[in-house]
């Protein structure tokens, strides 16, 4: 590694939690699993309440996958220096390669190696996410909706594939339907966070749509919720809803446990879109959020579905 890479690497790791760094030697499997579980619990606000409904036998594996996604995202989004982020993502890719070769050092990959072995997960499902995080360092605008979908292919869809693999589904049909839901969730988050993303220098709204509705990037910068901007956001919200609708058949093609989680994910994303609509699509400077009562209602509904499913199985 050259001096510039060394410098970028040192800078990058210094801006992240110390325990993120790759250690000189590998921990035991038990230590690695505890690391992943602790990371998931620490970032509880980002770890979906759907995890409450996971079968116990899958929980550790979801922790392992979550830990990988969490740190990968932070390497791309929390360093604040393009060169440093790219260098750290390269090192992370090196650990992923080592995971599949049986020689990882980082606790995430020590734990993940067991998950990969048990569920036969292809490496590209993990490395595709890193493609998106690398893109984030250099691509800050998307000319067309097709370009945005190409980004979601790497930033969102692999997560759905990983969930399916953990639940024993490896077929194209279910992955295809999952892609609609995962892309819809990504779009909902983009429409929710237009101002937040702009502060990071990014606009995920397709530039072709800004031109179509006669909206300028200056309006976004100045938090101007003009009638034209709100009309554009209404169009984007309806488009995201259509993607959610196209993904719904997946719920009927998986077992009851996963179906409850998928329903919760989908309804949660649609609630974000409902929150945008309720404030008349004026999201600039006013981030829409799901109210606590609505969150509780979603969880209560999922819990009831779980109990009813258990009752049905118990009656057999």
Protein backbone atom coordinates (compact mmCIF):
# COMPACT_ATOMS: atom_id res chain seq x y z
CA UNK A 1 0.00 0.00 0.00
CA UNK A 2 1.39 3.41 -0.92
CA UNK A 3 1.80 6.34 1.45
CA UNK A 4 -1.28 8.14 0.10
CA UNK A 5 -3.44 5.08 0.70
CA UNK A 6 -1.98 4.69 4.18
CA UNK A 7 -2.78 8.32 4.95
CA UNK A 8 -6.33 8.03 3.61
CA UNK A 9 -6.90 4.82 5.55
CA UNK A 10 -5.67 6.32 8.82
CA UNK A 11 -7.86 9.37 8.33
CA UNK A 12 -10.89 7.25 7.49
CA UNK A 13 -10.71 4.89 10.46
CA UNK A 14 -10.08 7.83 12.82
CA UNK A 15 -13.49 9.26 11.93
CA UNK A 16 -15.36 6.08 12.78
CA UNK A 17 -15.93 4.16 16.03
CA UNK A 18 -12.67 2.54 17.10
CA UNK A 19 -14.20 -0.94 17.12
CA UNK A 20 -14.93 -0.69 13.38
CA UNK A 21 -11.24 -1.05 12.52
CA UNK A 22 -9.87 -4.32 11.18
CA UNK A 23 -7.93 -5.99 14.05
CA UNK A 24 -4.50 -7.59 13.62
CA UNK A 25 -5.89 -11.03 14.48
CA UNK A 26 -9.27 -12.70 14.27
CA UNK A 27 -11.56 -13.12 17.30
CA UNK A 28 -13.25 -16.40 18.17
CA UNK A 29 -16.58 -17.17 16.55
CA UNK A 30 -18.39 -16.55 19.87
CA UNK A 31 -16.70 -13.15 20.25
CA UNK A 32 -17.52 -12.26 16.65
CA UNK A 33 -21.18 -13.19 17.05
CA UNK A 34 -21.46 -11.13 20.22
CA UNK A 35 -19.88 -8.19 18.37
CA UNK A 36 -22.55 -8.37 15.65
CA UNK A 37 -25.39 -8.77 18.14
CA UNK A 38 -24.13 -5.82 20.18
CA UNK A 39 -23.83 -3.64 17.08
CA UNK A 40 -27.39 -4.46 16.06
CA UNK A 41 -28.73 -3.65 19.52
CA UNK A 42 -26.68 -0.45 19.76
CA UNK A 43 -28.17 0.79 16.50
CA UNK A 44 -31.61 -0.30 17.61
CA UNK A 45 -33.37 2.66 16.05
CA UNK A 46 -32.18 1.46 12.65
CA UNK A 47 -32.70 -2.24 13.27
CA UNK A 48 -36.26 -2.91 12.15
CA UNK A 49 -38.82 -3.97 14.70
CA UNK A 50 -39.37 -6.84 12.28
CA UNK A 51 -36.41 -8.45 14.03
CA UNK A 52 -38.74 -9.06 16.99
CA UNK A 53 -40.60 -11.62 14.91
CA UNK A 54 -37.61 -13.56 13.60
CA UNK A 55 -37.35 -17.23 14.52
CA UNK A 56 -34.69 -17.66 17.19
CA UNK A 57 -32.62 -19.89 14.91
CA UNK A 58 -32.22 -17.01 12.42
CA UNK A 59 -31.65 -14.11 14.79
CA UNK A 60 -27.85 -14.35 15.02
CA UNK A 61 -27.55 -14.66 11.26
CA UNK A 62 -29.64 -11.53 10.78
CA UNK A 63 -27.41 -9.76 13.30
CA UNK A 64 -24.38 -10.81 11.25
CA UNK A 65 -25.85 -9.52 8.00
CA UNK A 66 -27.06 -6.34 9.69
CA UNK A 67 -23.58 -5.66 11.11
CA UNK A 68 -22.09 -6.01 7.64
CA UNK A 69 -24.63 -3.60 6.13
CA UNK A 70 -24.33 -1.14 9.02
CA UNK A 71 -20.56 -0.78 8.85
CA UNK A 72 -20.52 -0.82 5.04
CA UNK A 73 -22.98 2.08 5.02
CA UNK A 74 -20.93 4.03 7.56
CA UNK A 75 -17.72 3.51 5.59
CA UNK A 76 -19.40 5.21 2.67
CA UNK A 77 -21.44 7.85 4.49
CA UNK A 78 -19.77 8.83 7.77
CA UNK A 79 -16.11 9.42 6.86
CA UNK A 80 -16.57 12.74 5.07
CA UNK A 81 -13.61 12.29 2.72
CA UNK A 82 -13.97 10.68 -0.70
CA UNK A 83 -10.47 9.22 -0.94
CA UNK A 84 -10.60 7.88 2.61
CA UNK A 85 -14.03 6.29 2.10
CA UNK A 86 -12.94 4.61 -1.11
CA UNK A 87 -9.80 3.24 0.57
CA UNK A 88 -11.79 1.87 3.51
CA UNK A 89 -14.36 0.30 1.19
CA UNK A 90 -11.51 -1.40 -0.66
CA UNK A 91 -10.20 -2.78 2.63
CA UNK A 92 -13.72 -3.94 3.52
CA UNK A 93 -13.94 -5.68 0.15
CA UNK A 94 -10.63 -7.36 0.98
CA UNK A 95 -12.12 -8.70 4.20
CA UNK A 96 -15.18 -9.93 2.29
CA UNK A 97 -12.86 -11.77 -0.09
CA UNK A 98 -11.01 -13.22 2.91
CA UNK A 99 -14.35 -14.31 4.40
CA UNK A 100 -15.04 -16.45 1.34
CA UNK A 101 -11.45 -17.74 1.37
CA UNK A 102 -11.61 -18.68 5.07
CA UNK A 103 -9.11 -16.09 6.40
CA UNK A 104 -11.06 -13.05 7.72
CA UNK A 105 -9.85 -10.96 10.67
CA UNK A 106 -12.72 -8.57 11.30
CA UNK A 107 -15.38 -9.93 13.70
CA UNK A 108 -18.17 -9.17 11.24
CA UNK A 109 -16.63 -11.45 8.66
CA UNK A 110 -15.67 -14.14 11.16
CA UNK A 111 -19.36 -14.33 12.13
CA UNK A 112 -20.56 -13.89 8.57
CA UNK A 113 -18.45 -16.81 7.33
CA UNK A 114 -20.67 -19.21 9.28
CA UNK A 115 -23.80 -17.56 7.86
CA UNK A 116 -22.44 -17.76 4.31
CA UNK A 117 -21.55 -21.43 4.76
CA UNK A 118 -24.87 -22.41 6.31
CA UNK A 119 -27.09 -20.60 3.80
CA UNK A 120 -24.88 -20.81 0.69
CA UNK A 121 -25.01 -17.06 0.00
CA UNK A 122 -23.22 -15.86 -3.17
CA UNK A 123 -20.52 -13.25 -2.57
CA UNK A 124 -22.00 -10.78 -5.05
CA UNK A 125 -25.01 -10.22 -2.76
CA UNK A 126 -22.60 -8.56 -0.32
CA UNK A 127 -20.21 -6.95 -2.78
CA UNK A 128 -23.04 -5.38 -4.79
CA UNK A 129 -23.81 -3.17 -1.79
CA UNK A 130 -20.22 -1.91 -1.86
CA UNK A 131 -20.69 -0.87 -5.49
CA UNK A 132 -23.46 1.49 -4.37
CA UNK A 133 -21.40 2.91 -1.50
CA UNK A 134 -18.52 3.56 -3.90
CA UNK A 135 -20.92 5.27 -6.30
CA UNK A 136 -22.05 7.55 -3.48
CA UNK A 137 -18.55 9.00 -3.35
CA UNK A 138 -18.60 10.24 -6.94
CA UNK A 139 -22.18 10.22 -8.28
CA UNK A 140 -24.45 12.83 -6.68
CA UNK A 141 -27.09 13.30 -9.40
CA UNK A 142 -29.21 10.94 -11.52
CA UNK A 143 -30.30 12.04 -14.95
CA UNK A 144 -33.19 9.61 -15.39
CA UNK A 145 -35.42 7.38 -13.28
CA UNK A 146 -33.80 4.43 -15.06
CA UNK A 147 -30.43 5.62 -13.73
CA UNK A 148 -31.88 5.78 -10.22
CA UNK A 149 -33.26 2.25 -10.55
CA UNK A 150 -29.80 1.06 -11.61
CA UNK A 151 -28.43 2.56 -8.38
CA UNK A 152 -31.16 0.87 -6.30
CA UNK A 153 -30.17 -2.44 -7.87
CA UNK A 154 -26.98 -2.21 -5.82
CA UNK A 155 -28.02 -0.04 -2.84
CA UNK A 156 -31.29 -1.74 -1.90
CA UNK A 157 -32.11 -4.94 -3.77
CA UNK A 158 -29.23 -7.06 -2.39
CA UNK A 159 -30.66 -6.62 1.11
CA UNK A 160 -33.87 -8.33 0.05
CA UNK A 161 -31.90 -11.13 -1.58
CA UNK A 162 -29.94 -11.65 1.64
CA UNK A 163 -33.15 -11.90 3.66
CA UNK A 164 -34.53 -14.46 1.22
CA UNK A 165 -31.32 -16.51 1.35
CA UNK A 166 -31.46 -16.58 5.15
CA UNK A 167 -35.02 -17.85 4.97
CA UNK A 168 -34.15 -20.59 2.50
CA UNK A 169 -35.30 -19.01 -0.77
CA UNK A 170 -32.77 -18.83 -3.63
CA UNK A 171 -34.99 -18.61 -6.72
CA UNK A 172 -35.21 -15.82 -9.27
CA UNK A 173 -38.99 -15.33 -9.01
CA UNK A 174 -38.95 -14.38 -5.33
CA UNK A 175 -35.84 -12.21 -5.78
CA UNK A 176 -37.56 -10.43 -8.67
CA UNK A 177 -40.59 -9.59 -6.53
CA UNK A 178 -38.36 -8.63 -3.60
CA UNK A 179 -36.60 -6.10 -5.84
CA UNK A 180 -39.85 -4.17 -6.27
CA UNK A 181 -40.32 -3.88 -2.50
CA UNK A 182 -36.69 -3.02 -1.76
CA UNK A 183 -36.55 -0.40 -4.51
CA UNK A 184 -39.85 1.06 -3.28
CA UNK A 185 -38.46 1.29 0.26
CA UNK A 186 -35.37 3.05 -1.09
CA UNK A 187 -37.51 5.49 -3.07
CA UNK A 188 -39.68 6.21 -0.03
CA UNK A 189 -36.55 7.03 1.99
CA UNK A 190 -35.24 9.26 -0.80
CA UNK A 191 -38.52 11.20 -0.99
CA UNK A 192 -38.56 11.51 2.80
CA UNK A 193 -34.99 12.81 2.96
CA UNK A 194 -34.70 15.25 0.05
CA UNK A 195 -33.35 18.04 2.28
CA UNK A 196 -31.14 15.72 4.35
CA UNK A 197 -29.58 14.29 1.19
CA UNK A 198 -29.09 17.73 -0.33
CA UNK A 199 -27.08 18.76 2.73
CA UNK A 200 -24.78 15.83 1.87
CA UNK A 201 -24.48 17.13 -1.68
CA UNK A 202 -26.83 14.58 -3.22
CA UNK A 203 -30.08 14.78 -5.17
CA UNK A 204 -31.84 11.48 -5.80
CA UNK A 205 -34.81 13.03 -7.58
CA UNK A 206 -34.23 12.34 -11.31
CA UNK A 207 -33.11 15.48 -13.11
CA UNK A 208 -35.49 14.67 -15.96
CA UNK A 209 -38.37 15.02 -13.49
CA UNK A 210 -37.08 18.37 -12.23
CA UNK A 211 -37.14 19.63 -15.83
CA UNK A 212 -40.54 18.07 -16.52
CA UNK A 213 -42.11 19.90 -13.54
CA UNK A 214 -40.01 23.05 -13.99
CA UNK A 215 -38.28 22.68 -10.61
CA UNK A 216 -34.78 24.07 -10.10
CA UNK A 217 -32.06 22.69 -7.86
CA UNK A 218 -31.97 26.14 -6.24
CA UNK A 219 -35.52 25.58 -4.93
CA UNK A 220 -34.31 22.41 -3.22
CA UNK A 221 -31.29 24.23 -1.80
CA UNK A 222 -33.51 27.02 -0.44
CA UNK A 223 -36.22 24.67 0.91
CA UNK A 224 -38.87 26.22 -1.34
CA UNK A 225 -41.90 23.96 -1.37
CA UNK A 226 -43.35 25.55 -4.49
CA UNK A 227 -46.52 24.25 -6.16
CA UNK A 228 -44.33 22.83 -8.94
CA UNK A 229 -42.09 21.02 -6.47
CA UNK A 230 -45.06 19.55 -4.56
CA UNK A 231 -46.64 18.40 -7.84
CA UNK A 232 -43.41 16.63 -8.69
CA UNK A 233 -43.29 14.97 -5.27
CA UNK A 234 -46.89 13.77 -5.70
CA UNK A 235 -45.81 12.12 -8.94
CA UNK A 236 -42.81 10.49 -7.24
CA UNK A 237 -44.90 9.24 -4.31
CA UNK A 238 -47.42 7.59 -6.64
CA UNK A 239 -44.59 5.98 -8.57
CA UNK A 240 -43.15 4.52 -5.36
CA UNK A 241 -46.60 3.23 -4.38
CA UNK A 242 -46.82 1.41 -7.68
CA UNK A 243 -43.51 -0.33 -6.95
CA UNK A 244 -44.81 -1.40 -3.54
CA UNK A 245 -47.91 -2.84 -5.24
CA UNK A 246 -45.81 -4.84 -7.67
CA UNK A 247 -43.86 -6.40 -4.79
CA UNK A 248 -46.88 -7.44 -2.71
CA UNK A 249 -47.33 -10.91 -4.33
CA UNK A 250 -44.10 -11.98 -2.63
CA UNK A 251 -45.93 -12.04 0.73
CA UNK A 252 -48.06 -14.95 -0.52
CA UNK A 253 -45.02 -16.87 -1.76
CA UNK A 254 -43.11 -17.23 1.52
CA UNK A 255 -43.77 -18.91 4.86
CA UNK A 256 -45.86 -17.19 7.50
CA UNK A 257 -42.94 -15.97 9.61
CA UNK A 258 -41.31 -14.12 6.73
CA UNK A 259 -44.67 -12.97 5.36
CA UNK A 260 -45.34 -11.08 8.61
CA UNK A 261 -41.98 -9.32 8.35
CA UNK A 262 -42.41 -8.49 4.67
CA UNK A 263 -45.86 -7.08 5.35
CA UNK A 264 -44.41 -4.94 8.13
CA UNK A 265 -41.59 -3.68 5.90
CA UNK A 266 -43.98 -2.84 3.07
CA UNK A 267 -46.56 -1.14 5.26
CA UNK A 268 -43.85 0.85 7.01
CA UNK A 269 -42.57 2.17 3.68
CA UNK A 270 -46.09 3.01 2.55
CA UNK A 271 -46.67 4.87 5.81
CA UNK A 272 -43.72 7.11 4.90
CA UNK A 273 -45.45 7.89 1.61
CA UNK A 274 -48.70 8.55 3.50
CA UNK A 275 -46.85 10.95 5.80
CA UNK A 276 -45.52 12.83 2.76
CA UNK A 277 -49.02 13.07 1.33
CA UNK A 278 -50.46 14.30 4.63
CA UNK A 279 -48.17 17.32 4.57
CA UNK A 280 -49.16 18.04 0.97
CA UNK A 281 -45.82 16.79 -0.38
CA UNK A 282 -43.95 19.73 1.15
CA UNK A 283 -40.90 17.76 2.32
CA UNK A 284 -38.23 20.44 1.95
CA UNK A 285 -37.05 21.54 5.39
CA UNK A 286 -39.83 19.47 6.94
CA UNK A 287 -38.88 15.80 7.00
CA UNK A 288 -41.99 13.58 7.13
CA UNK A 289 -42.02 10.94 9.82
CA UNK A 290 -44.30 8.12 10.89
CA UNK A 291 -46.06 9.03 14.12
CA UNK A 292 -45.52 6.89 17.20
CA UNK A 293 -49.17 5.74 17.24
CA UNK A 294 -48.84 4.58 13.62
CA UNK A 295 -45.62 2.70 14.41
CA UNK A 296 -47.32 1.02 17.35
CA UNK A 297 -50.28 0.12 15.15
CA UNK A 298 -47.99 -1.52 12.63
CA UNK A 299 -46.25 -3.53 15.34
CA UNK A 300 -49.57 -4.48 16.94
CA UNK A 301 -50.90 -5.69 13.60
CA UNK A 302 -47.76 -7.75 12.99
CA UNK A 303 -47.95 -9.19 16.51
CA UNK A 304 -51.59 -10.17 16.03
CA UNK A 305 -50.79 -11.83 12.70
CA UNK A 306 -48.01 -13.77 14.37
CA UNK A 307 -50.27 -14.93 17.22
CA UNK A 308 -53.05 -15.93 14.85
CA UNK A 309 -50.60 -17.86 12.69
CA UNK A 310 -49.34 -19.64 15.79
CA UNK A 311 -52.89 -20.46 16.77
CA UNK A 312 -53.64 -21.94 13.40
CA UNK A 313 -50.51 -24.07 13.45
CA UNK A 314 -51.26 -25.19 17.02
CA UNK A 315 -54.75 -26.32 16.01
CA UNK A 316 -53.42 -28.70 13.34
